[in-house]
Amino acid sequence: QLQLVESGGGLVQPGGSLRLSCVASGFTLDYYAIGWFRQAPGKEREGVSCISSSGGSTNYADSVKGRFTISRDNAKNTVYLQMNSLKPEDTAVYYCAAGGSCRYLEVWGQGTLVTVSS
């Protein structure tokens, strides 16, 4: 069974940092692009970042550029999202997804909640 499991969410004060992890089971991430998405209460899901299977290409939403960094460790079958300088508007459930490319992501995780609040 193909599964992605996110972890690393929690409560953090504005200006703080968190690192989210996305671990795959049942398949190897080496050949997959991985995207991070988020959905805040009452809002539509939005793309945050994506990394190609090789790791050579990354993209970011304008709202997180310069603050978030996506990376992958294929040896650990894990993709990370390092989030710095967090803002209250970053509060959301964060999901990772895998697919053949950043445009076609088919396997989704259950999400991890990030709350940025003082």
C-alpha atoms as a PDB file:
ATOM      1  CA  GLN A   1       0.000   0.000   0.000  1.00  0.00           C
ATOM      2  CA  LEU A   2       1.388   3.381  -1.024  1.00  0.00           C
ATOM      3  CA  GLN A   3       1.391   5.824   1.867  1.00  0.00           C
ATOM      4  CA  LEU A   4       2.808   9.192   2.770  1.00  0.00           C
ATOM      5  CA  VAL A   5       2.968  10.261   6.391  1.00  0.00           C
ATOM      6  CA  GLU A   6       3.596  13.853   7.408  1.00  0.00           C
ATOM      7  CA  SER A   7       4.996  14.880  10.785  1.00  0.00           C
ATOM      8  CA  GLY A   8       6.584  17.852  12.490  1.00  0.00           C
ATOM      9  CA  GLY A   9       3.589  20.115  12.835  1.00  0.00           C
ATOM     10  CA  GLY A  10       2.691  21.867  16.046  1.00  0.00           C
ATOM     11  CA  LEU A  11       2.233  25.193  17.770  1.00  0.00           C
ATOM     12  CA  VAL A  12       4.919  27.823  17.212  1.00  0.00           C
ATOM     13  CA  GLN A  13       5.154  31.528  17.935  1.00  0.00           C
ATOM     14  CA  PRO A  14       5.363  34.060  15.109  1.00  0.00           C
ATOM     15  CA  GLY A  15       8.916  34.282  13.859  1.00  0.00           C
ATOM     16  CA  GLY A  16       9.627  30.703  14.859  1.00  0.00           C
ATOM     17  CA  SER A  17      10.595  27.672  12.784  1.00  0.00           C
ATOM     18  CA  LEU A  18       9.370  24.172  12.136  1.00  0.00           C
ATOM     19  CA  ARG A  19      10.565  21.360   9.926  1.00  0.00           C
ATOM     20  CA  LEU A  20       7.961  19.119   8.387  1.00  0.00           C
ATOM     21  CA  SER A  21       8.786  15.621   7.207  1.00  0.00           C
ATOM     22  CA  CYS A  22       7.051  13.487   4.602  1.00  0.00           C
ATOM     23  CA  VAL A  23       7.955   9.815   4.772  1.00  0.00           C
ATOM     24  CA  ALA A  24       6.925   7.280   2.161  1.00  0.00           C
ATOM     25  CA  SER A  25       6.036   3.678   2.796  1.00  0.00           C
ATOM     26  CA  GLY A  26       5.234   1.015   0.263  1.00  0.00           C
ATOM     27  CA  PHE A  27       7.228   2.751  -2.447  1.00  0.00           C
ATOM     28  CA  THR A  28      10.524   4.525  -3.085  1.00  0.00           C
ATOM     29  CA  LEU A  29      10.461   8.282  -3.397  1.00  0.00           C
ATOM     30  CA  ASP A  30      13.498   8.360  -5.695  1.00  0.00           C
ATOM     31  CA  TYR A  31      11.447   8.539  -8.879  1.00  0.00           C
ATOM     32  CA  TYR A  32       8.733  10.875  -7.675  1.00  0.00           C
ATOM     33  CA  ALA A  33       8.236  14.587  -7.499  1.00  0.00           C
ATOM     34  CA  ILE A  34       6.965  15.682  -4.097  1.00  0.00           C
ATOM     35  CA  GLY A  35       4.787  18.654  -3.376  1.00  0.00           C
ATOM     36  CA  TRP A  36       3.731  20.375  -0.169  1.00  0.00           C
ATOM     37  CA  PHE A  37       0.293  21.922   0.046  1.00  0.00           C
ATOM     38  CA  ARG A  38      -1.655  23.589   2.805  1.00  0.00           C
ATOM     39  CA  GLN A  39      -5.256  24.324   3.637  1.00  0.00           C
ATOM     40  CA  ALA A  40      -6.231  26.931   6.171  1.00  0.00           C
ATOM     41  CA  PRO A  41      -9.663  26.920   7.844  1.00  0.00           C
ATOM     42  CA  GLY A  42     -12.302  28.182   5.442  1.00  0.00           C
ATOM     43  CA  LYS A  43      -9.854  28.468   2.569  1.00  0.00           C
ATOM     44  CA  GLU A  44      -9.022  26.430  -0.494  1.00  0.00           C
ATOM     45  CA  ARG A  45      -5.984  24.208  -0.609  1.00  0.00           C
ATOM     46  CA  GLU A  46      -2.935  25.934  -2.053  1.00  0.00           C
ATOM     47  CA  GLY A  47       0.402  24.735  -3.323  1.00  0.00           C
ATOM     48  CA  VAL A  48       3.363  25.679  -1.157  1.00  0.00           C
ATOM     49  CA  SER A  49       6.384  24.066  -2.754  1.00  0.00           C
ATOM     50  CA  CYS A  50       7.451  21.217  -4.972  1.00  0.00           C
ATOM     51  CA  ILE A  51      10.692  19.364  -5.668  1.00  0.00           C
ATOM     52  CA  SER A  52      11.535  17.242  -8.693  1.00  0.00           C
ATOM     53  CA  SER A  53      12.520  13.595  -8.391  1.00  0.00           C
ATOM     54  CA  SER A  54      16.186  14.464  -8.829  1.00  0.00           C
ATOM     55  CA  GLY A  55      15.995  17.369  -6.430  1.00  0.00           C
ATOM     56  CA  GLY A  56      17.413  19.594  -9.107  1.00  0.00           C
ATOM     57  CA  SER A  57      14.300  21.678  -9.512  1.00  0.00           C
ATOM     58  CA  THR A  58      12.228  23.358  -6.833  1.00  0.00           C
ATOM     59  CA  ASN A  59       9.451  25.909  -6.813  1.00  0.00           C
ATOM     60  CA  TYR A  60       7.701  27.947  -4.151  1.00  0.00           C
ATOM     61  CA  ALA A  61       4.556  29.953  -3.713  1.00  0.00           C
ATOM     62  CA  ASP A  62       5.267  33.677  -3.586  1.00  0.00           C
ATOM     63  CA  SER A  63       3.914  33.789  -0.043  1.00  0.00           C
ATOM     64  CA  VAL A  64       6.679  31.500   1.269  1.00  0.00           C
ATOM     65  CA  LYS A  65       9.664  32.374  -0.938  1.00  0.00           C
ATOM     66  CA  GLY A  66      12.713  33.176   1.107  1.00  0.00           C
ATOM     67  CA  ARG A  67      11.203  31.609   4.231  1.00  0.00           C
ATOM     68  CA  PHE A  68      10.536  27.974   3.330  1.00  0.00           C
ATOM     69  CA  THR A  69      12.976  25.444   1.886  1.00  0.00           C
ATOM     70  CA  ILE A  70      12.081  22.080   0.416  1.00  0.00           C
ATOM     71  CA  SER A  71      14.640  19.280   0.321  1.00  0.00           C
ATOM     72  CA  ARG A  72      14.792  15.547  -0.039  1.00  0.00           C
ATOM     73  CA  ASP A  73      16.839  12.694   1.347  1.00  0.00           C
ATOM     74  CA  ASN A  74      16.152   9.726  -0.873  1.00  0.00           C
ATOM     75  CA  ALA A  75      18.255   7.456   1.325  1.00  0.00           C
ATOM     76  CA  LYS A  76      15.729   8.094   4.099  1.00  0.00           C
ATOM     77  CA  ASN A  77      12.762   8.076   1.707  1.00  0.00           C
ATOM     78  CA  THR A  78      11.871  11.475   3.132  1.00  0.00           C
ATOM     79  CA  VAL A  79      11.140  14.973   1.914  1.00  0.00           C
ATOM     80  CA  TYR A  80      11.382  17.960   4.233  1.00  0.00           C
ATOM     81  CA  LEU A  81       9.884  21.411   4.386  1.00  0.00           C
ATOM     82  CA  GLN A  82      11.922  23.781   6.521  1.00  0.00           C
ATOM     83  CA  MET A  83       9.735  26.691   7.539  1.00  0.00           C
ATOM     84  CA  ASN A  84      11.356  29.798   9.027  1.00  0.00           C
ATOM     85  CA  SER A  85      10.030  33.213  10.020  1.00  0.00           C
ATOM     86  CA  LEU A  86       6.586  31.746  10.424  1.00  0.00           C
ATOM     87  CA  LYS A  87       3.583  34.051  10.348  1.00  0.00           C
ATOM     88  CA  PRO A  88       0.051  33.585  11.684  1.00  0.00           C
ATOM     89  CA  GLU A  89      -1.160  33.327   8.095  1.00  0.00           C
ATOM     90  CA  ASP A  90       0.939  30.179   7.694  1.00  0.00           C
ATOM     91  CA  THR A  91      -1.460  28.394  10.029  1.00  0.00           C
ATOM     92  CA  ALA A  92      -2.938  25.453   8.125  1.00  0.00           C
ATOM     93  CA  VAL A  93      -2.962  21.717   7.698  1.00  0.00           C
ATOM     94  CA  TYR A  94       0.051  20.828   5.577  1.00  0.00           C
ATOM     95  CA  TYR A  95      -0.046  17.905   3.184  1.00  0.00           C
ATOM     96  CA  CYS A  96       2.581  16.236   1.050  1.00  0.00           C
ATOM     97  CA  ALA A  97       1.851  14.496  -2.220  1.00  0.00           C
ATOM     98  CA  ALA A  98       3.862  12.380  -4.662  1.00  0.00           C
ATOM     99  CA  GLY A  99       3.617  11.936  -8.387  1.00  0.00           C
ATOM    100  CA  GLY A 100       5.408  11.719 -11.688  1.00  0.00           C
ATOM    101  CA  SER A 101       5.897  15.465 -11.802  1.00  0.00           C
ATOM    102  CA  CYS A 102       4.905  18.546  -9.841  1.00  0.00           C
ATOM    103  CA  ARG A 103       1.886  18.858 -12.132  1.00  0.00           C
ATOM    104  CA  TYR A 104       0.681  15.318 -11.495  1.00  0.00           C
ATOM    105  CA  LEU A 105       0.607  14.398  -7.813  1.00  0.00           C
ATOM    106  CA  GLU A 106      -1.480  11.351  -7.024  1.00  0.00           C
ATOM    107  CA  VAL A 107      -0.540   9.932  -3.631  1.00  0.00           C
ATOM    108  CA  TRP A 108      -1.474  12.131  -0.678  1.00  0.00           C
ATOM    109  CA  GLY A 109      -0.739  12.072   3.014  1.00  0.00           C
ATOM    110  CA  GLN A 110      -3.189  12.758   5.834  1.00  0.00           C
ATOM    111  CA  GLY A 111      -1.710  16.100   6.813  1.00  0.00           C
ATOM    112  CA  THR A 112      -0.081  17.698   9.824  1.00  0.00           C
ATOM    113  CA  LEU A 113      -1.382  20.806  11.570  1.00  0.00           C
ATOM    114  CA  VAL A 114       0.782  23.888  11.878  1.00  0.00           C
ATOM    115  CA  THR A 115      -0.453  26.649  14.162  1.00  0.00           C
ATOM    116  CA  VAL A 116       1.413  29.947  14.359  1.00  0.00           C
ATOM    117  CA  SER A 117       0.191  31.960  17.301  1.00  0.00           C
ATOM    118  CA  SER A 118       1.441  33.884  20.298  1.00  0.00           C
END
